Amino acid sequence: MSPVEPRPGEKRILDEDCAEDNLKNGILMLTNQRIIFETTKGTLLTLSKKTEEAALDIPLDNITSVKTEGFIATKLVLVTNGVGYKFGVYSNRKWAKAIEEQIKAHKSSI
């Protein structure tokens, strides 16, 4: 997959540099239509990051569960099509609430 282009009417709600347990480092983005995780590769020498590819592009309709887990090392957990993804975002409760709000708003607009 290549970097993701915005869709018509799509608005970015949240984005954050984070890591997913299996997909490693990247940028997690929530829009009013989907969740996107683009992998990144950083260089310590120049302290720069480059977006590589969209590892996940999940429409909000496909998300079956959103929750948080952990006490010290907290994670945002998304389940879609029976597969769980665990993201180490800074404020996992904020993310979970925002995702649930966007899913609810998206369902009511259909």
PDB file of N, CA and C in Angstrom:
ATOM      1  N   MET A   1       0.837  -1.173   0.000  1.00  0.00           N
ATOM      2  CA  MET A   1       0.000   0.000   0.000  1.00  0.00           C
ATOM      3  C   MET A   1       0.889   1.246   0.000  1.00  0.00           C
ATOM      4  N   SER A   2       0.402   2.299  -0.582  1.00  0.00           N
ATOM      5  CA  SER A   2       1.137   3.550  -0.594  1.00  0.00           C
ATOM      6  C   SER A   2       0.492   4.521   0.388  1.00  0.00           C
ATOM      7  N   PRO A   3       1.141   5.676   0.652  1.00  0.00           N
ATOM      8  CA  PRO A   3       0.511   6.646   1.549  1.00  0.00           C
ATOM      9  C   PRO A   3      -0.905   6.967   1.113  1.00  0.00           C
ATOM     10  N   VAL A   4      -1.757   7.192   2.078  1.00  0.00           N
ATOM     11  CA  VAL A   4      -3.193   7.310   1.842  1.00  0.00           C
ATOM     12  C   VAL A   4      -3.588   8.722   1.433  1.00  0.00           C
ATOM     13  N   GLU A   5      -4.398   8.793   0.400  1.00  0.00           N
ATOM     14  CA  GLU A   5      -4.958  10.063  -0.062  1.00  0.00           C
ATOM     15  C   GLU A   5      -6.299  10.284   0.628  1.00  0.00           C
ATOM     16  N   PRO A   6      -6.614  11.546   0.991  1.00  0.00           N
ATOM     17  CA  PRO A   6      -7.920  11.812   1.606  1.00  0.00           C
ATOM     18  C   PRO A   6      -9.064  11.565   0.629  1.00  0.00           C
ATOM     19  N   ARG A   7     -10.174  11.106   1.166  1.00  0.00           N
ATOM     20  CA  ARG A   7     -11.370  10.877   0.366  1.00  0.00           C
ATOM     21  C   ARG A   7     -12.214  12.152   0.367  1.00  0.00           C
ATOM     22  N   PRO A   8     -13.141  12.280  -0.586  1.00  0.00           N
ATOM     23  CA  PRO A   8     -14.020  13.459  -0.580  1.00  0.00           C
ATOM     24  C   PRO A   8     -14.813  13.537   0.736  1.00  0.00           C
ATOM     25  N   GLY A   9     -14.818  14.698   1.350  1.00  0.00           N
ATOM     26  CA  GLY A   9     -15.555  14.907   2.587  1.00  0.00           C
ATOM     27  C   GLY A   9     -14.871  14.369   3.832  1.00  0.00           C
ATOM     28  N   GLU A  10     -13.672  13.849   3.692  1.00  0.00           N
ATOM     29  CA  GLU A  10     -12.977  13.264   4.833  1.00  0.00           C
ATOM     30  C   GLU A  10     -12.253  14.341   5.633  1.00  0.00           C
ATOM     31  N   LYS A  11     -12.412  14.261   6.972  1.00  0.00           N
ATOM     32  CA  LYS A  11     -11.759  15.207   7.868  1.00  0.00           C
ATOM     33  C   LYS A  11     -10.915  14.443   8.873  1.00  0.00           C
ATOM     34  N   ARG A  12      -9.710  14.931   9.125  1.00  0.00           N
ATOM     35  CA  ARG A  12      -8.828  14.318  10.118  1.00  0.00           C
ATOM     36  C   ARG A  12      -9.276  14.762  11.504  1.00  0.00           C
ATOM     37  N   ILE A  13      -9.490  13.786  12.404  1.00  0.00           N
ATOM     38  CA  ILE A  13      -9.932  14.061  13.767  1.00  0.00           C
ATOM     39  C   ILE A  13      -8.743  14.040  14.717  1.00  0.00           C
ATOM     40  N   LEU A  14      -7.961  12.973  14.679  1.00  0.00           N
ATOM     41  CA  LEU A  14      -6.785  12.808  15.533  1.00  0.00           C
ATOM     42  C   LEU A  14      -5.668  12.162  14.725  1.00  0.00           C
ATOM     43  N   ASP A  15      -4.438  12.456  15.092  1.00  0.00           N
ATOM     44  CA  ASP A  15      -3.302  11.703  14.563  1.00  0.00           C
ATOM     45  C   ASP A  15      -2.198  11.733  15.604  1.00  0.00           C
ATOM     46  N   GLU A  16      -1.407  10.666  15.602  1.00  0.00           N
ATOM     47  CA  GLU A  16      -0.350  10.554  16.606  1.00  0.00           C
ATOM     48  C   GLU A  16       0.732   9.589  16.149  1.00  0.00           C
ATOM     49  N   ASP A  17       1.940   9.958  16.448  1.00  0.00           N
ATOM     50  CA  ASP A  17       3.090   9.096  16.223  1.00  0.00           C
ATOM     51  C   ASP A  17       3.053   8.025  17.310  1.00  0.00           C
ATOM     52  N   CYS A  18       3.027   6.760  16.935  1.00  0.00           N
ATOM     53  CA  CYS A  18       2.910   5.692  17.931  1.00  0.00           C
ATOM     54  C   CYS A  18       3.508   4.400  17.385  1.00  0.00           C
ATOM     55  N   ALA A  19       3.276   3.312  18.101  1.00  0.00           N
ATOM     56  CA  ALA A  19       3.727   1.997  17.652  1.00  0.00           C
ATOM     57  C   ALA A  19       2.592   0.998  17.838  1.00  0.00           C
ATOM     58  N   GLU A  20       2.496   0.060  16.923  1.00  0.00           N
ATOM     59  CA  GLU A  20       1.553  -1.050  17.034  1.00  0.00           C
ATOM     60  C   GLU A  20       2.382  -2.281  17.332  1.00  0.00           C
ATOM     61  N   ASP A  21       1.876  -3.179  18.173  1.00  0.00           N
ATOM     62  CA  ASP A  21       2.659  -4.321  18.647  1.00  0.00           C
ATOM     63  C   ASP A  21       3.325  -5.125  17.525  1.00  0.00           C
ATOM     64  N   ASN A  22       2.636  -5.350  16.411  1.00  0.00           N
ATOM     65  CA  ASN A  22       3.193  -6.157  15.324  1.00  0.00           C
ATOM     66  C   ASN A  22       3.669  -5.342  14.127  1.00  0.00           C
ATOM     67  N   LEU A  23       3.034  -4.208  13.885  1.00  0.00           N
ATOM     68  CA  LEU A  23       3.373  -3.402  12.708  1.00  0.00           C
ATOM     69  C   LEU A  23       4.506  -2.412  12.971  1.00  0.00           C
ATOM     70  N   LYS A  24       4.880  -2.247  14.239  1.00  0.00           N
ATOM     71  CA  LYS A  24       5.980  -1.380  14.690  1.00  0.00           C
ATOM     72  C   LYS A  24       5.607   0.103  14.625  1.00  0.00           C
ATOM     73  N   ASN A  25       6.570   0.980  14.318  1.00  0.00           N
ATOM     74  CA  ASN A  25       6.376   2.428  14.408  1.00  0.00           C
ATOM     75  C   ASN A  25       5.600   2.991  13.231  1.00  0.00           C
ATOM     76  N   GLY A  26       4.808   4.029  13.540  1.00  0.00           N
ATOM     77  CA  GLY A  26       4.051   4.672  12.484  1.00  0.00           C
ATOM     78  C   GLY A  26       3.208   5.811  13.007  1.00  0.00           C
ATOM     79  N   ILE A  27       2.304   6.262  12.167  1.00  0.00           N
ATOM     80  CA  ILE A  27       1.394   7.347  12.513  1.00  0.00           C
ATOM     81  C   ILE A  27      -0.026   6.802  12.427  1.00  0.00           C
ATOM     82  N   LEU A  28      -0.754   6.907  13.535  1.00  0.00           N
ATOM     83  CA  LEU A  28      -2.146   6.481  13.595  1.00  0.00           C
ATOM     84  C   LEU A  28      -3.020   7.698  13.343  1.00  0.00           C
ATOM     85  N   MET A  29      -3.965   7.574  12.415  1.00  0.00           N
ATOM     86  CA  MET A  29      -4.862   8.676  12.084  1.00  0.00           C
ATOM     87  C   MET A  29      -6.315   8.215  12.172  1.00  0.00           C
ATOM     88  N   LEU A  30      -7.126   9.058  12.783  1.00  0.00           N
ATOM     89  CA  LEU A  30      -8.572   8.847  12.826  1.00  0.00           C
ATOM     90  C   LEU A  30      -9.205   9.938  11.987  1.00  0.00           C
ATOM     91  N   THR A  31     -10.037   9.541  11.033  1.00  0.00           N
ATOM     92  CA  THR A  31     -10.809  10.517  10.260  1.00  0.00           C
ATOM     93  C   THR A  31     -12.281  10.249  10.533  1.00  0.00           C
ATOM     94  N   ASN A  32     -13.132  11.035   9.943  1.00  0.00           N
ATOM     95  CA  ASN A  32     -14.565  10.816  10.108  1.00  0.00           C
ATOM     96  C   ASN A  32     -15.067   9.633   9.281  1.00  0.00           C
ATOM     97  N   GLN A  33     -14.165   8.941   8.556  1.00  0.00           N
ATOM     98  CA  GLN A  33     -14.563   7.803   7.730  1.00  0.00           C
ATOM     99  C   GLN A  33     -13.794   6.509   8.022  1.00  0.00           C
ATOM    100  N   ARG A  34     -12.575   6.626   8.572  1.00  0.00           N
ATOM    101  CA  ARG A  34     -11.739   5.432   8.718  1.00  0.00           C
ATOM    102  C   ARG A  34     -10.587   5.658   9.694  1.00  0.00           C
ATOM    103  N   ILE A  35      -9.875   4.570   9.985  1.00  0.00           N
ATOM    104  CA  ILE A  35      -8.652   4.609  10.775  1.00  0.00           C
ATOM    105  C   ILE A  35      -7.516   4.154   9.870  1.00  0.00           C
ATOM    106  N   ILE A  36      -6.430   4.902   9.902  1.00  0.00           N
ATOM    107  CA  ILE A  36      -5.289   4.633   9.031  1.00  0.00           C
ATOM    108  C   ILE A  36      -4.037   4.527   9.898  1.00  0.00           C
ATOM    109  N   PHE A  37      -3.198   3.552   9.611  1.00  0.00           N
ATOM    110  CA  PHE A  37      -1.890   3.447  10.260  1.00  0.00           C
ATOM    111  C   PHE A  37      -0.840   3.390   9.174  1.00  0.00           C
ATOM    112  N   GLU A  38      -0.026   4.440   9.086  1.00  0.00           N
ATOM    113  CA  GLU A  38       1.048   4.496   8.106  1.00  0.00           C
ATOM    114  C   GLU A  38       2.368   4.220   8.816  1.00  0.00           C
ATOM    115  N   THR A  39       3.114   3.248   8.321  1.00  0.00           N
ATOM    116  CA  THR A  39       4.403   2.935   8.929  1.00  0.00           C
ATOM    117  C   THR A  39       5.403   4.036   8.590  1.00  0.00           C
ATOM    118  N   THR A  40       6.351   4.224   9.508  1.00  0.00           N
ATOM    119  CA  THR A  40       7.388   5.234   9.298  1.00  0.00           C
ATOM    120  C   THR A  40       8.753   4.610   9.527  1.00  0.00           C
ATOM    121  N   LYS A  41       9.740   5.234   8.968  1.00  0.00           N
ATOM    122  CA  LYS A  41      11.125   4.823   9.181  1.00  0.00           C
ATOM    123  C   LYS A  41      11.885   6.088   9.559  1.00  0.00           C
ATOM    124  N   GLY A  42      12.581   6.020  10.683  1.00  0.00           N
ATOM    125  CA  GLY A  42      13.311   7.184  11.158  1.00  0.00           C
ATOM    126  C   GLY A  42      14.807   7.007  11.022  1.00  0.00           C
ATOM    127  N   THR A  43      15.497   8.149  10.940  1.00  0.00           N
ATOM    128  CA  THR A  43      16.955   8.138  10.919  1.00  0.00           C
ATOM    129  C   THR A  43      17.458   8.917  12.121  1.00  0.00           C
ATOM    130  N   LEU A  44      18.220   8.257  12.934  1.00  0.00           N
ATOM    131  CA  LEU A  44      18.745   8.880  14.136  1.00  0.00           C
ATOM    132  C   LEU A  44      19.733  10.001  13.800  1.00  0.00           C
ATOM    133  N   LEU A  45      20.484   9.838  12.744  1.00  0.00           N
ATOM    134  CA  LEU A  45      21.495  10.816  12.359  1.00  0.00           C
ATOM    135  C   LEU A  45      20.885  12.191  12.090  1.00  0.00           C
ATOM    136  N   THR A  46      19.770  12.221  11.370  1.00  0.00           N
ATOM    137  CA  THR A  46      19.128  13.502  11.032  1.00  0.00           C
ATOM    138  C   THR A  46      17.876  13.764  11.869  1.00  0.00           C
ATOM    139  N   LEU A  47      17.521  12.832  12.749  1.00  0.00           N
ATOM    140  CA  LEU A  47      16.307  12.938  13.569  1.00  0.00           C
ATOM    141  C   LEU A  47      15.069  13.215  12.722  1.00  0.00           C
ATOM    142  N   SER A  48      14.974  12.518  11.603  1.00  0.00           N
ATOM    143  CA  SER A  48      13.827  12.705  10.720  1.00  0.00           C
ATOM    144  C   SER A  48      13.088  11.386  10.550  1.00  0.00           C
ATOM    145  N   LYS A  49      11.828  11.508  10.156  1.00  0.00           N
ATOM    146  CA  LYS A  49      10.995  10.333   9.888  1.00  0.00           C
ATOM    147  C   LYS A  49      10.395  10.447   8.513  1.00  0.00           C
ATOM    148  N   LYS A  50      10.264   9.298   7.880  1.00  0.00           N
ATOM    149  CA  LYS A  50       9.680   9.257   6.547  1.00  0.00           C
ATOM    150  C   LYS A  50       8.522   8.264   6.558  1.00  0.00           C
ATOM    151  N   THR A  51       7.376   8.678   6.028  1.00  0.00           N
ATOM    152  CA  THR A  51       6.239   7.778   5.916  1.00  0.00           C
ATOM    153  C   THR A  51       6.534   6.775   4.816  1.00  0.00           C
ATOM    154  N   GLU A  52       6.327   5.487   5.133  1.00  0.00           N
ATOM    155  CA  GLU A  52       6.627   4.450   4.153  1.00  0.00           C
ATOM    156  C   GLU A  52       5.384   3.969   3.416  1.00  0.00           C
ATOM    157  N   GLU A  53       4.429   3.391   4.159  1.00  0.00           N
ATOM    158  CA  GLU A  53       3.245   2.837   3.510  1.00  0.00           C
ATOM    159  C   GLU A  53       2.095   2.783   4.493  1.00  0.00           C
ATOM    160  N   ALA A  54       0.885   2.680   3.957  1.00  0.00           N
ATOM    161  CA  ALA A  54      -0.299   2.521   4.788  1.00  0.00           C
ATOM    162  C   ALA A  54      -0.459   1.035   5.098  1.00  0.00           C
ATOM    163  N   ALA A  55      -0.144   0.671   6.326  1.00  0.00           N
ATOM    164  CA  ALA A  55      -0.230  -0.734   6.723  1.00  0.00           C
ATOM    165  C   ALA A  55      -1.668  -1.115   7.056  1.00  0.00           C
ATOM    166  N   LEU A  56      -2.458  -0.154   7.524  1.00  0.00           N
ATOM    167  CA  LEU A  56      -3.877  -0.387   7.837  1.00  0.00           C
ATOM    168  C   LEU A  56      -4.715   0.740   7.269  1.00  0.00           C
ATOM    169  N   ASP A  57      -5.843   0.398   6.716  1.00  0.00           N
ATOM    170  CA  ASP A  57      -6.829   1.373   6.243  1.00  0.00           C
ATOM    171  C   ASP A  57      -8.186   0.738   6.529  1.00  0.00           C
ATOM    172  N   ILE A  58      -8.741   1.045   7.707  1.00  0.00           N
ATOM    173  CA  ILE A  58      -9.930   0.355   8.190  1.00  0.00           C
ATOM    174  C   ILE A  58     -11.131   1.303   8.188  1.00  0.00           C
ATOM    175  N   PRO A  59     -12.153   1.017   7.383  1.00  0.00           N
ATOM    176  CA  PRO A  59     -13.372   1.823   7.448  1.00  0.00           C
ATOM    177  C   PRO A  59     -14.011   1.690   8.834  1.00  0.00           C
ATOM    178  N   LEU A  60     -14.626   2.767   9.315  1.00  0.00           N
ATOM    179  CA  LEU A  60     -15.236   2.755  10.641  1.00  0.00           C
ATOM    180  C   LEU A  60     -16.288   1.652  10.777  1.00  0.00           C
ATOM    181  N   ASP A  61     -16.979   1.320   9.685  1.00  0.00           N
ATOM    182  CA  ASP A  61     -17.996   0.258   9.711  1.00  0.00           C
ATOM    183  C   ASP A  61     -17.408  -1.106  10.063  1.00  0.00           C
ATOM    184  N   ASN A  62     -16.126  -1.312   9.805  1.00  0.00           N
ATOM    185  CA  ASN A  62     -15.494  -2.617  10.029  1.00  0.00           C
ATOM    186  C   ASN A  62     -14.950  -2.797  11.435  1.00  0.00           C
ATOM    187  N   ILE A  63     -14.975  -1.753  12.253  1.00  0.00           N
ATOM    188  CA  ILE A  63     -14.445  -1.855  13.616  1.00  0.00           C
ATOM    189  C   ILE A  63     -15.521  -2.454  14.508  1.00  0.00           C
ATOM    190  N   THR A  64     -15.217  -3.611  15.099  1.00  0.00           N
ATOM    191  CA  THR A  64     -16.198  -4.305  15.933  1.00  0.00           C
ATOM    192  C   THR A  64     -16.016  -4.027  17.417  1.00  0.00           C
ATOM    193  N   SER A  65     -14.820  -3.565  17.821  1.00  0.00           N
ATOM    194  CA  SER A  65     -14.568  -3.313  19.235  1.00  0.00           C
ATOM    195  C   SER A  65     -13.450  -2.288  19.403  1.00  0.00           C
ATOM    196  N   VAL A  66     -13.638  -1.395  20.385  1.00  0.00           N
ATOM    197  CA  VAL A  66     -12.622  -0.414  20.753  1.00  0.00           C
ATOM    198  C   VAL A  66     -12.519  -0.447  22.262  1.00  0.00           C
ATOM    199  N   LYS A  67     -11.300  -0.644  22.779  1.00  0.00           N
ATOM    200  CA  LYS A  67     -11.136  -0.643  24.233  1.00  0.00           C
ATOM    201  C   LYS A  67      -9.710  -0.238  24.582  1.00  0.00           C
ATOM    202  N   THR A  68      -9.490  -0.024  25.871  1.00  0.00           N
ATOM    203  CA  THR A  68      -8.146   0.255  26.368  1.00  0.00           C
ATOM    204  C   THR A  68      -7.765  -0.870  27.309  1.00  0.00           C
ATOM    205  N   GLU A  69      -6.475  -1.117  27.421  1.00  0.00           N
ATOM    206  CA  GLU A  69      -6.020  -2.152  28.349  1.00  0.00           C
ATOM    207  C   GLU A  69      -4.672  -1.769  28.932  1.00  0.00           C
ATOM    208  N   GLY A  70      -4.388  -2.337  30.081  1.00  0.00           N
ATOM    209  CA  GLY A  70      -3.112  -2.118  30.745  1.00  0.00           C
ATOM    210  C   GLY A  70      -3.174  -1.024  31.798  1.00  0.00           C
ATOM    211  N   PHE A  71      -2.190  -1.029  32.693  1.00  0.00           N
ATOM    212  CA  PHE A  71      -2.101  -0.021  33.745  1.00  0.00           C
ATOM    213  C   PHE A  71      -0.873   0.850  33.554  1.00  0.00           C
ATOM    214  N   ILE A  72       0.273   0.240  33.384  1.00  0.00           N
ATOM    215  CA  ILE A  72       1.498   1.021  33.196  1.00  0.00           C
ATOM    216  C   ILE A  72       1.760   1.221  31.707  1.00  0.00           C
ATOM    217  N   ALA A  73       1.857   0.141  30.982  1.00  0.00           N
ATOM    218  CA  ALA A  73       2.008   0.208  29.526  1.00  0.00           C
ATOM    219  C   ALA A  73       0.618   0.056  28.921  1.00  0.00           C
ATOM    220  N   THR A  74      -0.080   1.173  28.785  1.00  0.00           N
ATOM    221  CA  THR A  74      -1.463   1.125  28.302  1.00  0.00           C
ATOM    222  C   THR A  74      -1.498   1.055  26.779  1.00  0.00           C
ATOM    223  N   LYS A  75      -2.547   0.441  26.275  1.00  0.00           N
ATOM    224  CA  LYS A  75      -2.715   0.267  24.832  1.00  0.00           C
ATOM    225  C   LYS A  75      -4.152   0.591  24.424  1.00  0.00           C
ATOM    226  N   LEU A  76      -4.291   1.071  23.192  1.00  0.00           N
ATOM    227  CA  LEU A  76      -5.581   1.224  22.544  1.00  0.00           C
ATOM    228  C   LEU A  76      -5.753  -0.031  21.705  1.00  0.00           C
ATOM    229  N   VAL A  77      -6.852  -0.754  21.915  1.00  0.00           N
ATOM    230  CA  VAL A  77      -7.082  -2.017  21.208  1.00  0.00           C
ATOM    231  C   VAL A  77      -8.259  -1.855  20.251  1.00  0.00           C
ATOM    232  N   LEU A  78      -8.019  -2.122  18.976  1.00  0.00           N
ATOM    233  CA  LEU A  78      -9.059  -2.114  17.945  1.00  0.00           C
ATOM    234  C   LEU A  78      -9.227  -3.518  17.421  1.00  0.00           C
ATOM    235  N   VAL A  79     -10.467  -3.955  17.289  1.00  0.00           N
ATOM    236  CA  VAL A  79     -10.737  -5.271  16.710  1.00  0.00           C
ATOM    237  C   VAL A  79     -11.558  -5.059  15.448  1.00  0.00           C
ATOM    238  N   THR A  80     -11.108  -5.671  14.361  1.00  0.00           N
ATOM    239  CA  THR A  80     -11.806  -5.612  13.090  1.00  0.00           C
ATOM    240  C   THR A  80     -11.665  -6.964  12.399  1.00  0.00           C
ATOM    241  N   ASN A  81     -12.764  -7.509  11.939  1.00  0.00           N
ATOM    242  CA  ASN A  81     -12.763  -8.800  11.249  1.00  0.00           C
ATOM    243  C   ASN A  81     -12.029  -9.877  12.044  1.00  0.00           C
ATOM    244  N   GLY A  82     -12.196  -9.865  13.358  1.00  0.00           N
ATOM    245  CA  GLY A  82     -11.589 -10.877  14.211  1.00  0.00           C
ATOM    246  C   GLY A  82     -10.111 -10.688  14.500  1.00  0.00           C
ATOM    247  N   VAL A  83      -9.514  -9.612  14.001  1.00  0.00           N
ATOM    248  CA  VAL A  83      -8.098  -9.345  14.214  1.00  0.00           C
ATOM    249  C   VAL A  83      -7.967  -8.148  15.150  1.00  0.00           C
ATOM    250  N   GLY A  84      -7.124  -8.290  16.176  1.00  0.00           N
ATOM    251  CA  GLY A  84      -6.911  -7.204  17.120  1.00  0.00           C
ATOM    252  C   GLY A  84      -5.604  -6.476  16.855  1.00  0.00           C
ATOM    253  N   TYR A  85      -5.637  -5.170  16.987  1.00  0.00           N
ATOM    254  CA  TYR A  85      -4.450  -4.327  16.843  1.00  0.00           C
ATOM    255  C   TYR A  85      -4.272  -3.543  18.128  1.00  0.00           C
ATOM    256  N   LYS A  86      -3.035  -3.487  18.641  1.00  0.00           N
ATOM    257  CA  LYS A  86      -2.750  -2.799  19.899  1.00  0.00           C
ATOM    258  C   LYS A  86      -1.779  -1.650  19.631  1.00  0.00           C
ATOM    259  N   PHE A  87      -2.265  -0.434  19.889  1.00  0.00           N
ATOM    260  CA  PHE A  87      -1.480   0.771  19.631  1.00  0.00           C
ATOM    261  C   PHE A  87      -1.040   1.419  20.935  1.00  0.00           C
ATOM    262  N   GLY A  88       0.195   1.796  21.009  1.00  0.00           N
ATOM    263  CA  GLY A  88       0.732   2.508  22.163  1.00  0.00           C
ATOM    264  C   GLY A  88       0.626   4.004  21.945  1.00  0.00           C
ATOM    265  N   VAL A  89      -0.590   4.555  22.080  1.00  0.00           N
ATOM    266  CA  VAL A  89      -0.806   5.992  21.927  1.00  0.00           C
ATOM    267  C   VAL A  89      -0.672   6.671  23.285  1.00  0.00           C
ATOM    268  N   TYR A  90      -0.463   7.974  23.271  1.00  0.00           N
ATOM    269  CA  TYR A  90      -0.236   8.718  24.505  1.00  0.00           C
ATOM    270  C   TYR A  90      -1.470   8.717  25.411  1.00  0.00           C
ATOM    271  N   SER A  91      -2.625   9.028  24.862  1.00  0.00           N
ATOM    272  CA  SER A  91      -3.853   9.092  25.659  1.00  0.00           C
ATOM    273  C   SER A  91      -4.874   8.107  25.083  1.00  0.00           C
ATOM    274  N   ASN A  92      -4.762   6.834  25.501  1.00  0.00           N
ATOM    275  CA  ASN A  92      -5.606   5.806  24.889  1.00  0.00           C
ATOM    276  C   ASN A  92      -7.095   6.007  25.161  1.00  0.00           C
ATOM    277  N   ARG A  93      -7.461   6.562  26.306  1.00  0.00           N
ATOM    278  CA  ARG A  93      -8.891   6.808  26.595  1.00  0.00           C
ATOM    279  C   ARG A  93      -9.461   7.887  25.672  1.00  0.00           C
ATOM    280  N   LYS A  94      -8.667   8.909  25.409  1.00  0.00           N
ATOM    281  CA  LYS A  94      -9.081   9.973  24.485  1.00  0.00           C
ATOM    282  C   LYS A  94      -9.307   9.387  23.086  1.00  0.00           C
ATOM    283  N   TRP A  95      -8.389   8.531  22.659  1.00  0.00           N
ATOM    284  CA  TRP A  95      -8.527   7.894  21.354  1.00  0.00           C
ATOM    285  C   TRP A  95      -9.767   7.002  21.300  1.00  0.00           C
ATOM    286  N   ALA A  96      -9.960   6.180  22.325  1.00  0.00           N
ATOM    287  CA  ALA A  96     -11.107   5.263  22.344  1.00  0.00           C
ATOM    288  C   ALA A  96     -12.420   6.048  22.269  1.00  0.00           C
ATOM    289  N   LYS A  97     -12.511   7.117  23.040  1.00  0.00           N
ATOM    290  CA  LYS A  97     -13.729   7.939  23.038  1.00  0.00           C
ATOM    291  C   LYS A  97     -13.955   8.586  21.671  1.00  0.00           C
ATOM    292  N   ALA A  98     -12.889   9.132  21.079  1.00  0.00           N
ATOM    293  CA  ALA A  98     -13.004   9.771  19.768  1.00  0.00           C
ATOM    294  C   ALA A  98     -13.412   8.767  18.693  1.00  0.00           C
ATOM    295  N   ILE A  99     -12.858   7.557  18.738  1.00  0.00           N
ATOM    296  CA  ILE A  99     -13.217   6.530  17.747  1.00  0.00           C
ATOM    297  C   ILE A  99     -14.680   6.145  17.903  1.00  0.00           C
ATOM    298  N   GLU A 100     -15.111   5.920  19.133  1.00  0.00           N
ATOM    299  CA  GLU A 100     -16.514   5.561  19.368  1.00  0.00           C
ATOM    300  C   GLU A 100     -17.463   6.662  18.899  1.00  0.00           C
ATOM    301  N   GLU A 101     -17.092   7.923  19.138  1.00  0.00           N
ATOM    302  CA  GLU A 101     -17.920   9.044  18.680  1.00  0.00           C
ATOM    303  C   GLU A 101     -18.001   9.090  17.160  1.00  0.00           C
ATOM    304  N   GLN A 102     -16.885   8.847  16.480  1.00  0.00           N
ATOM    305  CA  GLN A 102     -16.878   8.874  15.021  1.00  0.00           C
ATOM    306  C   GLN A 102     -17.660   7.703  14.428  1.00  0.00           C
ATOM    307  N   ILE A 103     -17.580   6.538  15.067  1.00  0.00           N
ATOM    308  CA  ILE A 103     -18.362   5.381  14.597  1.00  0.00           C
ATOM    309  C   ILE A 103     -19.848   5.696  14.722  1.00  0.00           C
ATOM    310  N   LYS A 104     -20.239   6.246  15.864  1.00  0.00           N
ATOM    311  CA  LYS A 104     -21.648   6.593  16.098  1.00  0.00           C
ATOM    312  C   LYS A 104     -22.124   7.649  15.095  1.00  0.00           C
ATOM    313  N   ALA A 105     -21.321   8.694  14.880  1.00  0.00           N
ATOM    314  CA  ALA A 105     -21.681   9.747  13.929  1.00  0.00           C
ATOM    315  C   ALA A 105     -21.744   9.206  12.504  1.00  0.00           C
ATOM    316  N   HIS A 106     -20.818   8.310  12.168  1.00  0.00           N
ATOM    317  CA  HIS A 106     -20.778   7.731  10.819  1.00  0.00           C
ATOM    318  C   HIS A 106     -22.017   6.862  10.571  1.00  0.00           C
ATOM    319  N   LYS A 107     -22.414   6.073  11.563  1.00  0.00           N
ATOM    320  CA  LYS A 107     -23.602   5.222  11.417  1.00  0.00           C
ATOM    321  C   LYS A 107     -24.868   6.052  11.288  1.00  0.00           C
ATOM    322  N   SER A 108     -24.942   7.171  12.006  1.00  0.00           N
ATOM    323  CA  SER A 108     -26.150   7.993  11.943  1.00  0.00           C
ATOM    324  C   SER A 108     -26.243   8.784  10.641  1.00  0.00           C
ATOM    325  N   SER A 109     -25.098   8.969   9.935  1.00  0.00           N
ATOM    326  CA  SER A 109     -25.120   9.706   8.676  1.00  0.00           C
ATOM    327  C   SER A 109     -25.443   8.825   7.472  1.00  0.00           C
ATOM    328  N   ILE A 110     -25.498   7.511   7.694  1.00  0.00           N
ATOM    329  CA  ILE A 110     -25.769   6.585   6.569  1.00  0.00           C
ATOM    330  C   ILE A 110     -27.260   6.472   6.337  1.00  0.00           C
TER     331      ILE A 110
END
